[in-house]
Amino acid sequence: RFHGEGYQEGLAEGSHAGMAEGRRHGALHGARMGSEIGCYLGFALTWHCLLQKCTDPKNSKKLRALDSLIGMIQKFPYEDPTYDKLQEDLEKIRGKFKQVCSMLNIQSDFRLGNERSSLTF
């Protein structure tokens, strides 16, 4: 009897602790992902504005790549944590970001630290 009661109490307490830990973990990783994607979007929008003002004909390829990156970010399903291709789409966005940086001759280095995120050029 004591074994059964102890088991039930432990199960209830473990379930409650697991839910709280899961929420913290999800919030932390969601915030990191949001910070990363927000940084990519700000980067892309800024460069898009800068390149539109330039009259250099070589910029059309760069602008198309930036448009593609912006489109990928805008289609990213922020609201659906159960989206089965979330990681796959995030990797595609990271790859496109690296491609755009290469085209712009910018070294990308997105780091998430304990205190803040940074993008160095």
Protein backbone atom coordinates (compact mmCIF):
# COMPACT_ATOMS: atom_id res chain seq x y z
CA ARG A 1 0.00 0.00 0.00
CA PHE A 2 2.79 2.47 0.95
CA HIS A 3 4.64 1.60 -2.19
CA GLY A 4 1.57 2.39 -4.30
CA GLU A 5 0.89 5.68 -2.51
CA GLY A 6 4.53 6.73 -2.80
CA TYR A 7 4.51 5.88 -6.47
CA GLN A 8 1.39 7.98 -7.11
CA GLU A 9 2.76 10.96 -5.16
CA GLY A 10 6.09 10.75 -6.97
CA LEU A 11 4.38 10.50 -10.34
CA ALA A 12 2.24 13.57 -9.65
CA GLU A 13 5.18 15.62 -8.37
CA GLY A 14 7.42 14.53 -11.27
CA SER A 15 4.75 15.41 -13.82
CA HIS A 16 4.33 18.88 -12.34
CA ALA A 17 8.11 19.49 -12.23
CA GLY A 18 8.48 18.18 -15.78
CA MET A 19 5.84 20.55 -17.11
CA ALA A 20 7.50 23.55 -15.46
CA GLU A 21 10.92 22.56 -16.77
CA GLY A 22 9.47 21.97 -20.24
CA ARG A 23 7.91 25.43 -20.29
CA ARG A 24 11.20 27.09 -19.27
CA HIS A 25 13.12 25.10 -21.87
CA GLY A 26 10.62 25.94 -24.61
CA ALA A 27 10.56 29.64 -23.73
CA LEU A 28 14.34 29.83 -23.73
CA HIS A 29 14.79 28.10 -27.08
CA GLY A 30 11.86 29.96 -28.61
CA ALA A 31 13.40 33.27 -27.58
CA ARG A 32 16.77 32.26 -29.05
CA MET A 33 15.16 31.25 -32.33
CA GLY A 34 13.14 34.47 -32.45
CA SER A 35 16.24 36.53 -31.78
CA GLU A 36 18.17 34.77 -34.52
CA ILE A 37 15.42 35.09 -37.12
CA GLY A 38 14.72 38.69 -36.14
CA CYS A 39 18.37 39.50 -36.64
CA TYR A 40 18.33 37.89 -40.08
CA LEU A 41 15.22 39.85 -41.05
CA GLY A 42 16.64 43.17 -39.87
CA PHE A 43 19.87 42.45 -41.72
CA ALA A 44 18.02 41.56 -44.93
CA LEU A 45 15.67 44.54 -44.84
CA THR A 46 18.54 46.96 -44.17
CA TRP A 47 20.67 45.63 -47.02
CA HIS A 48 17.65 45.56 -49.32
CA CYS A 49 17.06 49.27 -48.69
CA LEU A 50 20.74 50.08 -49.15
CA LEU A 51 21.05 48.17 -52.42
CA GLN A 52 17.85 49.61 -53.89
CA LYS A 53 19.39 53.08 -53.69
CA CYS A 54 22.46 51.91 -55.65
CA THR A 55 22.32 52.00 -59.44
CA ASP A 56 24.91 49.25 -59.93
CA PRO A 57 23.48 46.57 -62.28
CA LYS A 58 25.27 43.83 -60.30
CA ASN A 59 22.89 44.44 -57.41
CA SER A 60 19.92 42.72 -59.04
CA LYS A 61 21.21 39.25 -58.12
CA LYS A 62 21.88 40.38 -54.57
CA LEU A 63 18.42 41.92 -54.32
CA ARG A 64 16.80 38.70 -55.55
CA ALA A 65 18.69 36.71 -52.91
CA LEU A 66 17.63 39.20 -50.23
CA ASP A 67 14.02 39.01 -51.44
CA SER A 68 14.21 35.24 -51.19
CA LEU A 69 15.58 35.41 -47.63
CA ILE A 70 12.89 37.92 -46.60
CA GLY A 71 10.20 35.71 -48.13
CA MET A 72 11.49 32.62 -46.32
CA ILE A 73 11.47 34.48 -43.02
CA GLN A 74 7.99 35.86 -43.56
CA LYS A 75 6.63 32.37 -44.33
CA PHE A 76 8.27 30.84 -41.25
CA PRO A 77 5.57 29.44 -38.92
CA TYR A 78 6.31 31.33 -35.68
CA GLU A 79 2.92 30.52 -34.18
CA ASP A 80 3.01 26.74 -34.66
CA PRO A 81 5.48 24.92 -32.38
CA THR A 82 4.19 21.56 -33.66
CA TYR A 83 5.21 22.32 -37.26
CA ASP A 84 7.09 19.20 -38.31
CA LYS A 85 9.60 20.94 -40.60
CA LEU A 86 10.51 23.74 -38.18
CA GLN A 87 14.19 22.79 -37.89
CA GLU A 88 14.46 22.04 -41.60
CA ASP A 89 13.06 25.46 -42.54
CA LEU A 90 15.29 27.17 -39.99
CA GLU A 91 18.34 25.48 -41.54
CA LYS A 92 17.24 26.68 -44.99
CA ILE A 93 16.97 30.24 -43.67
CA ARG A 94 20.44 29.96 -42.12
CA GLY A 95 21.81 28.67 -45.42
CA LYS A 96 20.21 31.49 -47.41
CA PHE A 97 21.56 34.01 -44.89
CA LYS A 98 25.08 32.62 -45.36
CA GLN A 99 24.64 32.77 -49.14
CA VAL A 100 23.55 36.42 -48.97
CA CYS A 101 26.48 37.27 -46.71
CA SER A 102 28.82 35.62 -49.19
CA MET A 103 27.33 37.61 -52.07
CA LEU A 104 27.75 40.83 -50.08
CA ASN A 105 31.32 39.89 -49.06
CA ILE A 106 30.35 39.99 -45.39
CA GLN A 107 31.57 37.46 -42.88
CA SER A 108 28.61 36.29 -40.84
CA ASP A 109 28.94 35.14 -37.27
CA PHE A 110 25.67 34.90 -35.37
CA ARG A 111 26.26 34.01 -31.75
CA LEU A 112 23.86 33.66 -28.90
CA GLY A 113 25.55 34.46 -25.64
CA ASN A 114 24.26 34.38 -22.10
CA GLU A 115 23.64 38.12 -22.07
CA ARG A 116 22.78 39.15 -25.62
CA SER A 117 22.88 38.09 -29.24
CA SER A 118 25.30 39.62 -31.66
CA LEU A 119 25.98 39.65 -35.34
CA THR A 120 29.50 40.68 -36.22
CA PHE A 121 30.70 41.86 -39.57
